[in-house]
């Protein structure tokens, strides 16, 4: 990870792929930071879960979105070292660490 990495939380991505009025501000945020965006494994899971289970997108559409995100951006397992560097709360590090060690 070089330069200034930008962590975009799942709610921003969910707005982007929904019909919510917040989709446009979400798109602008993502466009602004596009070249520096990183995603965590937890965020990927949250995006898929929210899009497919809340009826925002079909499972196939959600899978395609996740595939595009994974191909486009760096995806990291959040460790405590990365979390402290990015100032992510301990709560946000629980699932990726558990996933990585499972």
PDB file of N, CA and C in Angstrom:
ATOM      1  N   UNK A   1       0.842  -1.180   0.000  1.00  0.00           N
ATOM      2  CA  UNK A   1       0.000   0.000   0.000  1.00  0.00           C
ATOM      3  C   UNK A   1       0.883   1.238   0.000  1.00  0.00           C
ATOM      4  N   UNK A   2       0.905   1.930  -1.100  1.00  0.00           N
ATOM      5  CA  UNK A   2       1.720   3.123  -1.220  1.00  0.00           C
ATOM      6  C   UNK A   2       0.847   4.364  -1.080  1.00  0.00           C
ATOM      7  N   UNK A   3       1.473   5.445  -0.635  1.00  0.00           N
ATOM      8  CA  UNK A   3       0.777   6.720  -0.594  1.00  0.00           C
ATOM      9  C   UNK A   3      -0.294   6.788   0.467  1.00  0.00           C
ATOM     10  N   UNK A   4      -1.228   7.667   0.242  1.00  0.00           N
ATOM     11  CA  UNK A   4      -2.323   7.875   1.181  1.00  0.00           C
ATOM     12  C   UNK A   4      -3.484   6.965   0.827  1.00  0.00           C
ATOM     13  N   UNK A   5      -3.629   5.898   1.569  1.00  0.00           N
ATOM     14  CA  UNK A   5      -4.728   4.974   1.340  1.00  0.00           C
ATOM     15  C   UNK A   5      -6.002   5.542   1.953  1.00  0.00           C
ATOM     16  N   UNK A   6      -7.105   5.313   1.269  1.00  0.00           N
ATOM     17  CA  UNK A   6      -8.401   5.777   1.746  1.00  0.00           C
ATOM     18  C   UNK A   6      -9.292   4.564   1.938  1.00  0.00           C
ATOM     19  N   UNK A   7      -9.782   4.399   3.149  1.00  0.00           N
ATOM     20  CA  UNK A   7     -10.670   3.303   3.495  1.00  0.00           C
ATOM     21  C   UNK A   7     -12.105   3.799   3.356  1.00  0.00           C
ATOM     22  N   UNK A   8     -12.869   3.189   2.477  1.00  0.00           N
ATOM     23  CA  UNK A   8     -14.272   3.554   2.275  1.00  0.00           C
ATOM     24  C   UNK A   8     -15.128   2.484   2.944  1.00  0.00           C
ATOM     25  N   UNK A   9     -15.909   2.891   3.921  1.00  0.00           N
ATOM     26  CA  UNK A   9     -16.724   1.951   4.684  1.00  0.00           C
ATOM     27  C   UNK A   9     -17.877   1.411   3.835  1.00  0.00           C
ATOM     28  N   UNK A  10     -18.426   0.295   4.270  1.00  0.00           N
ATOM     29  CA  UNK A  10     -19.458  -0.400   3.502  1.00  0.00           C
ATOM     30  C   UNK A  10     -20.693   0.449   3.231  1.00  0.00           C
ATOM     31  N   UNK A  11     -21.083   1.293   4.171  1.00  0.00           N
ATOM     32  CA  UNK A  11     -22.307   2.069   3.955  1.00  0.00           C
ATOM     33  C   UNK A  11     -22.205   2.972   2.727  1.00  0.00           C
ATOM     34  N   UNK A  12     -21.027   3.496   2.448  1.00  0.00           N
ATOM     35  CA  UNK A  12     -20.841   4.351   1.269  1.00  0.00           C
ATOM     36  C   UNK A  12     -21.051   3.538  -0.008  1.00  0.00           C
ATOM     37  N   UNK A  13     -20.484   2.337  -0.045  1.00  0.00           N
ATOM     38  CA  UNK A  13     -20.657   1.467  -1.212  1.00  0.00           C
ATOM     39  C   UNK A  13     -22.116   1.050  -1.364  1.00  0.00           C
ATOM     40  N   UNK A  14     -22.778   0.760  -0.263  1.00  0.00           N
ATOM     41  CA  UNK A  14     -24.184   0.351  -0.316  1.00  0.00           C
ATOM     42  C   UNK A  14     -25.035   1.488  -0.874  1.00  0.00           C
ATOM     43  N   UNK A  15     -24.781   2.715  -0.425  1.00  0.00           N
ATOM     44  CA  UNK A  15     -25.496   3.866  -0.998  1.00  0.00           C
ATOM     45  C   UNK A  15     -25.245   3.957  -2.498  1.00  0.00           C
ATOM     46  N   UNK A  16     -23.999   3.758  -2.907  1.00  0.00           N
ATOM     47  CA  UNK A  16     -23.636   3.872  -4.315  1.00  0.00           C
ATOM     48  C   UNK A  16     -24.479   2.946  -5.192  1.00  0.00           C
ATOM     49  N   UNK A  17     -24.693   1.726  -4.737  1.00  0.00           N
ATOM     50  CA  UNK A  17     -25.389   0.728  -5.540  1.00  0.00           C
ATOM     51  C   UNK A  17     -26.878   0.642  -5.237  1.00  0.00           C
ATOM     52  N   UNK A  18     -27.411   1.628  -4.537  1.00  0.00           N
ATOM     53  CA  UNK A  18     -28.831   1.642  -4.198  1.00  0.00           C
ATOM     54  C   UNK A  18     -29.522   2.800  -4.908  1.00  0.00           C
ATOM     55  N   UNK A  19     -30.805   2.943  -4.628  1.00  0.00           N
ATOM     56  CA  UNK A  19     -31.561   4.082  -5.153  1.00  0.00           C
ATOM     57  C   UNK A  19     -31.678   5.180  -4.103  1.00  0.00           C
ATOM     58  N   UNK A  20     -30.936   5.057  -3.031  1.00  0.00           N
ATOM     59  CA  UNK A  20     -30.944   6.033  -1.943  1.00  0.00           C
ATOM     60  C   UNK A  20     -30.470   7.394  -2.458  1.00  0.00           C
ATOM     61  N   UNK A  21     -31.047   8.479  -1.933  1.00  0.00           N
ATOM     62  CA  UNK A  21     -30.587   9.816  -2.332  1.00  0.00           C
ATOM     63  C   UNK A  21     -29.104  10.064  -2.033  1.00  0.00           C
ATOM     64  N   UNK A  22     -28.530   9.264  -1.153  1.00  0.00           N
ATOM     65  CA  UNK A  22     -27.115   9.427  -0.819  1.00  0.00           C
ATOM     66  C   UNK A  22     -26.191   8.785  -1.859  1.00  0.00           C
ATOM     67  N   UNK A  23     -26.764   8.190  -2.900  1.00  0.00           N
ATOM     68  CA  UNK A  23     -25.948   7.546  -3.937  1.00  0.00           C
ATOM     69  C   UNK A  23     -25.043   8.552  -4.647  1.00  0.00           C
ATOM     70  N   UNK A  24     -25.550   9.737  -4.934  1.00  0.00           N
ATOM     71  CA  UNK A  24     -24.735  10.726  -5.645  1.00  0.00           C
ATOM     72  C   UNK A  24     -23.561  11.220  -4.801  1.00  0.00           C
ATOM     73  N   UNK A  25     -23.779  11.603  -3.517  1.00  0.00           N
ATOM     74  CA  UNK A  25     -22.620  11.972  -2.693  1.00  0.00           C
ATOM     75  C   UNK A  25     -21.631  10.813  -2.527  1.00  0.00           C
ATOM     76  N   UNK A  26     -22.140   9.582  -2.452  1.00  0.00           N
ATOM     77  CA  UNK A  26     -21.260   8.413  -2.342  1.00  0.00           C
ATOM     78  C   UNK A  26     -20.401   8.290  -3.597  1.00  0.00           C
ATOM     79  N   UNK A  27     -21.019   8.446  -4.759  1.00  0.00           N
ATOM     80  CA  UNK A  27     -20.288   8.368  -6.027  1.00  0.00           C
ATOM     81  C   UNK A  27     -19.198   9.432  -6.087  1.00  0.00           C
ATOM     82  N   UNK A  28     -19.528  10.645  -5.664  1.00  0.00           N
ATOM     83  CA  UNK A  28     -18.549  11.737  -5.690  1.00  0.00           C
ATOM     84  C   UNK A  28     -17.374  11.460  -4.755  1.00  0.00           C
ATOM     85  N   UNK A  29     -17.665  10.905  -3.590  1.00  0.00           N
ATOM     86  CA  UNK A  29     -16.604  10.555  -2.640  1.00  0.00           C
ATOM     87  C   UNK A  29     -15.682   9.502  -3.234  1.00  0.00           C
ATOM     88  N   UNK A  30     -16.268   8.483  -3.825  1.00  0.00           N
ATOM     89  CA  UNK A  30     -15.474   7.406  -4.419  1.00  0.00           C
ATOM     90  C   UNK A  30     -14.657   7.920  -5.604  1.00  0.00           C
ATOM     91  N   UNK A  31     -15.257   8.744  -6.440  1.00  0.00           N
ATOM     92  CA  UNK A  31     -14.517   9.315  -7.572  1.00  0.00           C
ATOM     93  C   UNK A  31     -13.342  10.168  -7.097  1.00  0.00           C
ATOM     94  N   UNK A  32     -13.563  10.934  -6.044  1.00  0.00           N
ATOM     95  CA  UNK A  32     -12.519  11.821  -5.520  1.00  0.00           C
ATOM     96  C   UNK A  32     -11.291  11.043  -5.052  1.00  0.00           C
ATOM     97  N   UNK A  33     -11.521   9.891  -4.443  1.00  0.00           N
ATOM     98  CA  UNK A  33     -10.433   9.121  -3.830  1.00  0.00           C
ATOM     99  C   UNK A  33     -10.092   7.843  -4.600  1.00  0.00           C
ATOM    100  N   UNK A  34     -10.631   7.693  -5.796  1.00  0.00           N
ATOM    101  CA  UNK A  34     -10.577   6.433  -6.536  1.00  0.00           C
ATOM    102  C   UNK A  34      -9.203   5.769  -6.546  1.00  0.00           C
ATOM    103  N   UNK A  35      -8.174   6.502  -6.839  1.00  0.00           N
ATOM    104  CA  UNK A  35      -6.848   5.888  -6.997  1.00  0.00           C
ATOM    105  C   UNK A  35      -6.204   5.475  -5.677  1.00  0.00           C
ATOM    106  N   UNK A  36      -6.778   5.882  -4.554  1.00  0.00           N
ATOM    107  CA  UNK A  36      -6.197   5.552  -3.248  1.00  0.00           C
ATOM    108  C   UNK A  36      -7.070   4.635  -2.400  1.00  0.00           C
ATOM    109  N   UNK A  37      -8.170   4.166  -2.944  1.00  0.00           N
ATOM    110  CA  UNK A  37      -9.120   3.374  -2.156  1.00  0.00           C
ATOM    111  C   UNK A  37      -8.580   1.982  -1.870  1.00  0.00           C
ATOM    112  N   UNK A  38      -8.770   1.565  -0.622  1.00  0.00           N
ATOM    113  CA  UNK A  38      -8.547   0.171  -0.231  1.00  0.00           C
ATOM    114  C   UNK A  38      -9.829  -0.322   0.424  1.00  0.00           C
ATOM    115  N   UNK A  39     -10.030  -1.613   0.365  1.00  0.00           N
ATOM    116  CA  UNK A  39     -11.189  -2.244   0.988  1.00  0.00           C
ATOM    117  C   UNK A  39     -10.707  -3.332   1.927  1.00  0.00           C
ATOM    118  N   UNK A  40     -11.464  -3.566   2.969  1.00  0.00           N
ATOM    119  CA  UNK A  40     -11.130  -4.685   3.854  1.00  0.00           C
ATOM    120  C   UNK A  40     -12.010  -5.878   3.496  1.00  0.00           C
ATOM    121  N   UNK A  41     -11.569  -7.035   3.922  1.00  0.00           N
ATOM    122  CA  UNK A  41     -12.367  -8.234   3.702  1.00  0.00           C
ATOM    123  C   UNK A  41     -13.717  -8.111   4.397  1.00  0.00           C
ATOM    124  N   UNK A  42     -13.753  -7.463   5.547  1.00  0.00           N
ATOM    125  CA  UNK A  42     -15.021  -7.273   6.254  1.00  0.00           C
ATOM    126  C   UNK A  42     -15.968  -6.405   5.433  1.00  0.00           C
ATOM    127  N   UNK A  43     -15.460  -5.329   4.868  1.00  0.00           N
ATOM    128  CA  UNK A  43     -16.299  -4.434   4.069  1.00  0.00           C
ATOM    129  C   UNK A  43     -16.861  -5.175   2.858  1.00  0.00           C
ATOM    130  N   UNK A  44     -16.054  -5.991   2.206  1.00  0.00           N
ATOM    131  CA  UNK A  44     -16.533  -6.783   1.068  1.00  0.00           C
ATOM    132  C   UNK A  44     -17.717  -7.650   1.495  1.00  0.00           C
ATOM    133  N   UNK A  45     -17.578  -8.329   2.632  1.00  0.00           N
ATOM    134  CA  UNK A  45     -18.666  -9.165   3.138  1.00  0.00           C
ATOM    135  C   UNK A  45     -19.909  -8.365   3.478  1.00  0.00           C
ATOM    136  N   UNK A  46     -19.720  -7.215   4.099  1.00  0.00           N
ATOM    137  CA  UNK A  46     -20.855  -6.363   4.471  1.00  0.00           C
ATOM    138  C   UNK A  46     -21.582  -5.839   3.236  1.00  0.00           C
ATOM    139  N   UNK A  47     -20.834  -5.474   2.217  1.00  0.00           N
ATOM    140  CA  UNK A  47     -21.458  -4.982   0.985  1.00  0.00           C
ATOM    141  C   UNK A  47     -22.320  -6.080   0.370  1.00  0.00           C
ATOM    142  N   UNK A  48     -21.748  -7.271   0.217  1.00  0.00           N
ATOM    143  CA  UNK A  48     -22.507  -8.374  -0.378  1.00  0.00           C
ATOM    144  C   UNK A  48     -23.752  -8.674   0.446  1.00  0.00           C
ATOM    145  N   UNK A  49     -23.583  -8.784   1.747  1.00  0.00           N
ATOM    146  CA  UNK A  49     -24.701  -9.109   2.629  1.00  0.00           C
ATOM    147  C   UNK A  49     -25.815  -8.063   2.507  1.00  0.00           C
ATOM    148  N   UNK A  50     -25.456  -6.806   2.609  1.00  0.00           N
ATOM    149  CA  UNK A  50     -26.467  -5.746   2.570  1.00  0.00           C
ATOM    150  C   UNK A  50     -27.154  -5.651   1.213  1.00  0.00           C
ATOM    151  N   UNK A  51     -26.386  -5.714   0.150  1.00  0.00           N
ATOM    152  CA  UNK A  51     -26.988  -5.611  -1.177  1.00  0.00           C
ATOM    153  C   UNK A  51     -27.924  -6.772  -1.470  1.00  0.00           C
ATOM    154  N   UNK A  52     -27.511  -7.982  -1.127  1.00  0.00           N
ATOM    155  CA  UNK A  52     -28.306  -9.162  -1.485  1.00  0.00           C
ATOM    156  C   UNK A  52     -29.413  -9.474  -0.486  1.00  0.00           C
ATOM    157  N   UNK A  53     -29.178  -9.282   0.774  1.00  0.00           N
ATOM    158  CA  UNK A  53     -30.179  -9.654   1.779  1.00  0.00           C
ATOM    159  C   UNK A  53     -31.223  -8.578   2.038  1.00  0.00           C
ATOM    160  N   UNK A  54     -30.886  -7.350   1.737  1.00  0.00           N
ATOM    161  CA  UNK A  54     -31.847  -6.262   1.955  1.00  0.00           C
ATOM    162  C   UNK A  54     -32.627  -5.935   0.685  1.00  0.00           C
ATOM    163  N   UNK A  55     -32.439  -6.743  -0.348  1.00  0.00           N
ATOM    164  CA  UNK A  55     -33.193  -6.570  -1.580  1.00  0.00           C
ATOM    165  C   UNK A  55     -32.770  -5.389  -2.433  1.00  0.00           C
ATOM    166  N   UNK A  56     -31.582  -4.865  -2.170  1.00  0.00           N
ATOM    167  CA  UNK A  56     -31.087  -3.742  -2.968  1.00  0.00           C
ATOM    168  C   UNK A  56     -30.679  -4.240  -4.355  1.00  0.00           C
ATOM    169  N   UNK A  57     -30.049  -5.401  -4.394  1.00  0.00           N
ATOM    170  CA  UNK A  57     -29.636  -6.057  -5.637  1.00  0.00           C
ATOM    171  C   UNK A  57     -29.868  -7.558  -5.495  1.00  0.00           C
ATOM    172  N   UNK A  58     -29.953  -8.259  -6.627  1.00  0.00           N
ATOM    173  CA  UNK A  58     -30.043  -9.713  -6.571  1.00  0.00           C
ATOM    174  C   UNK A  58     -28.679 -10.266  -6.146  1.00  0.00           C
ATOM    175  N   UNK A  59     -28.648 -11.537  -5.767  1.00  0.00           N
ATOM    176  CA  UNK A  59     -27.366 -12.148  -5.394  1.00  0.00           C
ATOM    177  C   UNK A  59     -26.389 -12.127  -6.564  1.00  0.00           C
ATOM    178  N   UNK A  60     -26.883 -12.383  -7.764  1.00  0.00           N
ATOM    179  CA  UNK A  60     -26.005 -12.354  -8.939  1.00  0.00           C
ATOM    180  C   UNK A  60     -25.451 -10.955  -9.181  1.00  0.00           C
ATOM    181  N   UNK A  61     -26.294  -9.941  -9.033  1.00  0.00           N
ATOM    182  CA  UNK A  61     -25.821  -8.563  -9.191  1.00  0.00           C
ATOM    183  C   UNK A  61     -24.807  -8.215  -8.109  1.00  0.00           C
ATOM    184  N   UNK A  62     -25.098  -8.629  -6.872  1.00  0.00           N
ATOM    185  CA  UNK A  62     -24.177  -8.356  -5.761  1.00  0.00           C
ATOM    186  C   UNK A  62     -22.833  -9.045  -5.998  1.00  0.00           C
ATOM    187  N   UNK A  63     -22.856 -10.288  -6.493  1.00  0.00           N
ATOM    188  CA  UNK A  63     -21.611 -11.004  -6.810  1.00  0.00           C
ATOM    189  C   UNK A  63     -20.812 -10.258  -7.875  1.00  0.00           C
ATOM    190  N   UNK A  64     -21.496  -9.779  -8.898  1.00  0.00           N
ATOM    191  CA  UNK A  64     -20.818  -9.041  -9.970  1.00  0.00           C
ATOM    192  C   UNK A  64     -20.194  -7.756  -9.426  1.00  0.00           C
ATOM    193  N   UNK A  65     -20.904  -7.078  -8.539  1.00  0.00           N
ATOM    194  CA  UNK A  65     -20.375  -5.857  -7.921  1.00  0.00           C
ATOM    195  C   UNK A  65     -19.126  -6.182  -7.115  1.00  0.00           C
ATOM    196  N   UNK A  66     -19.201  -7.239  -6.302  1.00  0.00           N
ATOM    197  CA  UNK A  66     -18.048  -7.639  -5.484  1.00  0.00           C
ATOM    198  C   UNK A  66     -16.870  -8.004  -6.382  1.00  0.00           C
ATOM    199  N   UNK A  67     -17.123  -8.758  -7.442  1.00  0.00           N
ATOM    200  CA  UNK A  67     -16.043  -9.113  -8.374  1.00  0.00           C
ATOM    201  C   UNK A  67     -15.387  -7.870  -8.961  1.00  0.00           C
ATOM    202  N   UNK A  68     -16.195  -6.894  -9.346  1.00  0.00           N
ATOM    203  CA  UNK A  68     -15.645  -5.642  -9.883  1.00  0.00           C
ATOM    204  C   UNK A  68     -14.804  -4.916  -8.840  1.00  0.00           C
ATOM    205  N   UNK A  69     -15.299  -4.849  -7.604  1.00  0.00           N
ATOM    206  CA  UNK A  69     -14.557  -4.163  -6.541  1.00  0.00           C
ATOM    207  C   UNK A  69     -13.216  -4.844  -6.280  1.00  0.00           C
ATOM    208  N   UNK A  70     -13.240  -6.172  -6.215  1.00  0.00           N
ATOM    209  CA  UNK A  70     -12.018  -6.932  -5.930  1.00  0.00           C
ATOM    210  C   UNK A  70     -11.003  -6.783  -7.068  1.00  0.00           C
ATOM    211  N   UNK A  71     -11.485  -6.717  -8.302  1.00  0.00           N
ATOM    212  CA  UNK A  71     -10.585  -6.542  -9.446  1.00  0.00           C
ATOM    213  C   UNK A  71     -10.049  -5.118  -9.555  1.00  0.00           C
ATOM    214  N   UNK A  72     -10.784  -4.161  -9.007  1.00  0.00           N
ATOM    215  CA  UNK A  72     -10.429  -2.748  -9.159  1.00  0.00           C
ATOM    216  C   UNK A  72      -9.566  -2.211  -8.028  1.00  0.00           C
ATOM    217  N   UNK A  73      -9.853  -2.632  -6.793  1.00  0.00           N
ATOM    218  CA  UNK A  73      -9.205  -2.049  -5.623  1.00  0.00           C
ATOM    219  C   UNK A  73      -8.391  -3.082  -4.851  1.00  0.00           C
ATOM    220  N   UNK A  74      -7.466  -2.596  -4.057  1.00  0.00           N
ATOM    221  CA  UNK A  74      -6.704  -3.452  -3.159  1.00  0.00           C
ATOM    222  C   UNK A  74      -7.611  -3.867  -2.010  1.00  0.00           C
ATOM    223  N   UNK A  75      -7.632  -5.160  -1.722  1.00  0.00           N
ATOM    224  CA  UNK A  75      -8.416  -5.686  -0.602  1.00  0.00           C
ATOM    225  C   UNK A  75      -7.437  -6.224   0.424  1.00  0.00           C
ATOM    226  N   UNK A  76      -7.599  -5.797   1.675  1.00  0.00           N
ATOM    227  CA  UNK A  76      -6.681  -6.206   2.735  1.00  0.00           C
ATOM    228  C   UNK A  76      -7.435  -6.855   3.882  1.00  0.00           C
ATOM    229  N   UNK A  77      -6.744  -7.767   4.558  1.00  0.00           N
ATOM    230  CA  UNK A  77      -7.212  -8.255   5.846  1.00  0.00           C
ATOM    231  C   UNK A  77      -6.745  -7.218   6.847  1.00  0.00           C
ATOM    232  N   UNK A  78      -7.651  -6.694   7.619  1.00  0.00           N
ATOM    233  CA  UNK A  78      -7.275  -5.645   8.560  1.00  0.00           C
ATOM    234  C   UNK A  78      -6.652  -6.274   9.797  1.00  0.00           C
ATOM    235  N   UNK A  79      -5.393  -5.932  10.025  1.00  0.00           N
ATOM    236  CA  UNK A  79      -4.692  -6.369  11.225  1.00  0.00           C
ATOM    237  C   UNK A  79      -4.697  -5.213  12.213  1.00  0.00           C
ATOM    238  N   UNK A  80      -4.297  -5.470  13.440  1.00  0.00           N
ATOM    239  CA  UNK A  80      -4.254  -4.381  14.417  1.00  0.00           C
ATOM    240  C   UNK A  80      -3.264  -3.307  13.998  1.00  0.00           C
ATOM    241  N   UNK A  81      -2.198  -3.689  13.325  1.00  0.00           N
ATOM    242  CA  UNK A  81      -1.227  -2.709  12.842  1.00  0.00           C
ATOM    243  C   UNK A  81      -1.850  -1.790  11.796  1.00  0.00           C
ATOM    244  N   UNK A  82      -2.528  -2.378  10.830  1.00  0.00           N
ATOM    245  CA  UNK A  82      -3.198  -1.575   9.811  1.00  0.00           C
ATOM    246  C   UNK A  82      -4.304  -0.743  10.443  1.00  0.00           C
ATOM    247  N   UNK A  83      -5.052  -1.337  11.357  1.00  0.00           N
ATOM    248  CA  UNK A  83      -6.149  -0.621  12.013  1.00  0.00           C
ATOM    249  C   UNK A  83      -5.650   0.626  12.723  1.00  0.00           C
ATOM    250  N   UNK A  84      -4.546   0.514  13.437  1.00  0.00           N
ATOM    251  CA  UNK A  84      -4.038   1.687  14.145  1.00  0.00           C
ATOM    252  C   UNK A  84      -3.487   2.720  13.169  1.00  0.00           C
ATOM    253  N   UNK A  85      -2.906   2.264  12.068  1.00  0.00           N
ATOM    254  CA  UNK A  85      -2.418   3.191  11.050  1.00  0.00           C
ATOM    255  C   UNK A  85      -3.575   3.955  10.410  1.00  0.00           C
ATOM    256  N   UNK A  86      -4.674   3.253  10.141  1.00  0.00           N
ATOM    257  CA  UNK A  86      -5.831   3.875   9.488  1.00  0.00           C
ATOM    258  C   UNK A  86      -6.823   4.461  10.477  1.00  0.00           C
ATOM    259  N   UNK A  87      -6.577   4.296  11.762  1.00  0.00           N
ATOM    260  CA  UNK A  87      -7.458   4.764  12.830  1.00  0.00           C
ATOM    261  C   UNK A  87      -8.830   4.110  12.760  1.00  0.00           C
ATOM    262  N   UNK A  88      -8.841   2.831  12.439  1.00  0.00           N
ATOM    263  CA  UNK A  88     -10.086   2.076  12.418  1.00  0.00           C
ATOM    264  C   UNK A  88     -10.324   1.560  13.827  1.00  0.00           C
ATOM    265  N   UNK A  89     -11.567   1.555  14.245  1.00  0.00           N
ATOM    266  CA  UNK A  89     -11.873   1.100  15.601  1.00  0.00           C
ATOM    267  C   UNK A  89     -11.618  -0.391  15.748  1.00  0.00           C
ATOM    268  N   UNK A  90     -11.474  -0.822  16.986  1.00  0.00           N
ATOM    269  CA  UNK A  90     -11.250  -2.241  17.270  1.00  0.00           C
ATOM    270  C   UNK A  90     -12.406  -3.077  16.748  1.00  0.00           C
ATOM    271  N   UNK A  91     -13.630  -2.567  16.812  1.00  0.00           N
ATOM    272  CA  UNK A  91     -14.798  -3.302  16.322  1.00  0.00           C
ATOM    273  C   UNK A  91     -14.634  -3.661  14.851  1.00  0.00           C
ATOM    274  N   UNK A  92     -14.123  -2.727  14.069  1.00  0.00           N
ATOM    275  CA  UNK A  92     -13.967  -2.967  12.639  1.00  0.00           C
ATOM    276  C   UNK A  92     -12.871  -3.975  12.327  1.00  0.00           C
ATOM    277  N   UNK A  93     -12.009  -4.274  13.282  1.00  0.00           N
ATOM    278  CA  UNK A  93     -10.934  -5.229  13.027  1.00  0.00           C
ATOM    279  C   UNK A  93     -11.286  -6.640  13.457  1.00  0.00           C
ATOM    280  N   UNK A  94     -12.369  -6.818  14.179  1.00  0.00           N
ATOM    281  CA  UNK A  94     -12.691  -8.130  14.736  1.00  0.00           C
ATOM    282  C   UNK A  94     -12.960  -9.163  13.654  1.00  0.00           C
ATOM    283  N   UNK A  95     -13.850  -8.885  12.732  1.00  0.00           N
ATOM    284  CA  UNK A  95     -14.207  -9.876  11.732  1.00  0.00           C
ATOM    285  C   UNK A  95     -13.083 -10.213  10.765  1.00  0.00           C
ATOM    286  N   UNK A  96     -12.354  -9.234  10.223  1.00  0.00           N
ATOM    287  CA  UNK A  96     -11.278  -9.621   9.307  1.00  0.00           C
ATOM    288  C   UNK A  96     -10.211 -10.480   9.966  1.00  0.00           C
ATOM    289  N   UNK A  97      -9.861 -10.181  11.201  1.00  0.00           N
ATOM    290  CA  UNK A  97      -8.855 -10.984  11.890  1.00  0.00           C
ATOM    291  C   UNK A  97      -9.385 -12.391  12.105  1.00  0.00           C
ATOM    292  N   UNK A  98     -10.649 -12.493  12.517  1.00  0.00           N
ATOM    293  CA  UNK A  98     -11.265 -13.804  12.700  1.00  0.00           C
ATOM    294  C   UNK A  98     -11.329 -14.566  11.394  1.00  0.00           C
ATOM    295  N   UNK A  99     -11.644 -13.890  10.334  1.00  0.00           N
ATOM    296  CA  UNK A  99     -11.729 -14.511   9.020  1.00  0.00           C
ATOM    297  C   UNK A  99     -10.357 -14.977   8.552  1.00  0.00           C
ATOM    298  N   UNK A 100      -9.360 -14.161   8.783  1.00  0.00           N
ATOM    299  CA  UNK A 100      -8.014 -14.498   8.328  1.00  0.00           C
ATOM    300  C   UNK A 100      -7.464 -15.717   9.051  1.00  0.00           C
ATOM    301  N   UNK A 101      -7.832 -15.888  10.315  1.00  0.00           N
ATOM    302  CA  UNK A 101      -7.272 -16.997  11.079  1.00  0.00           C
ATOM    303  C   UNK A 101      -8.130 -18.251  11.013  1.00  0.00           C
ATOM    304  N   UNK A 102      -9.312 -18.155  10.431  1.00  0.00           N
ATOM    305  CA  UNK A 102     -10.218 -19.314  10.366  1.00  0.00           C
ATOM    306  C   UNK A 102      -9.803 -20.281   9.293  1.00  0.00           C
TER     307      UNK A 102
END
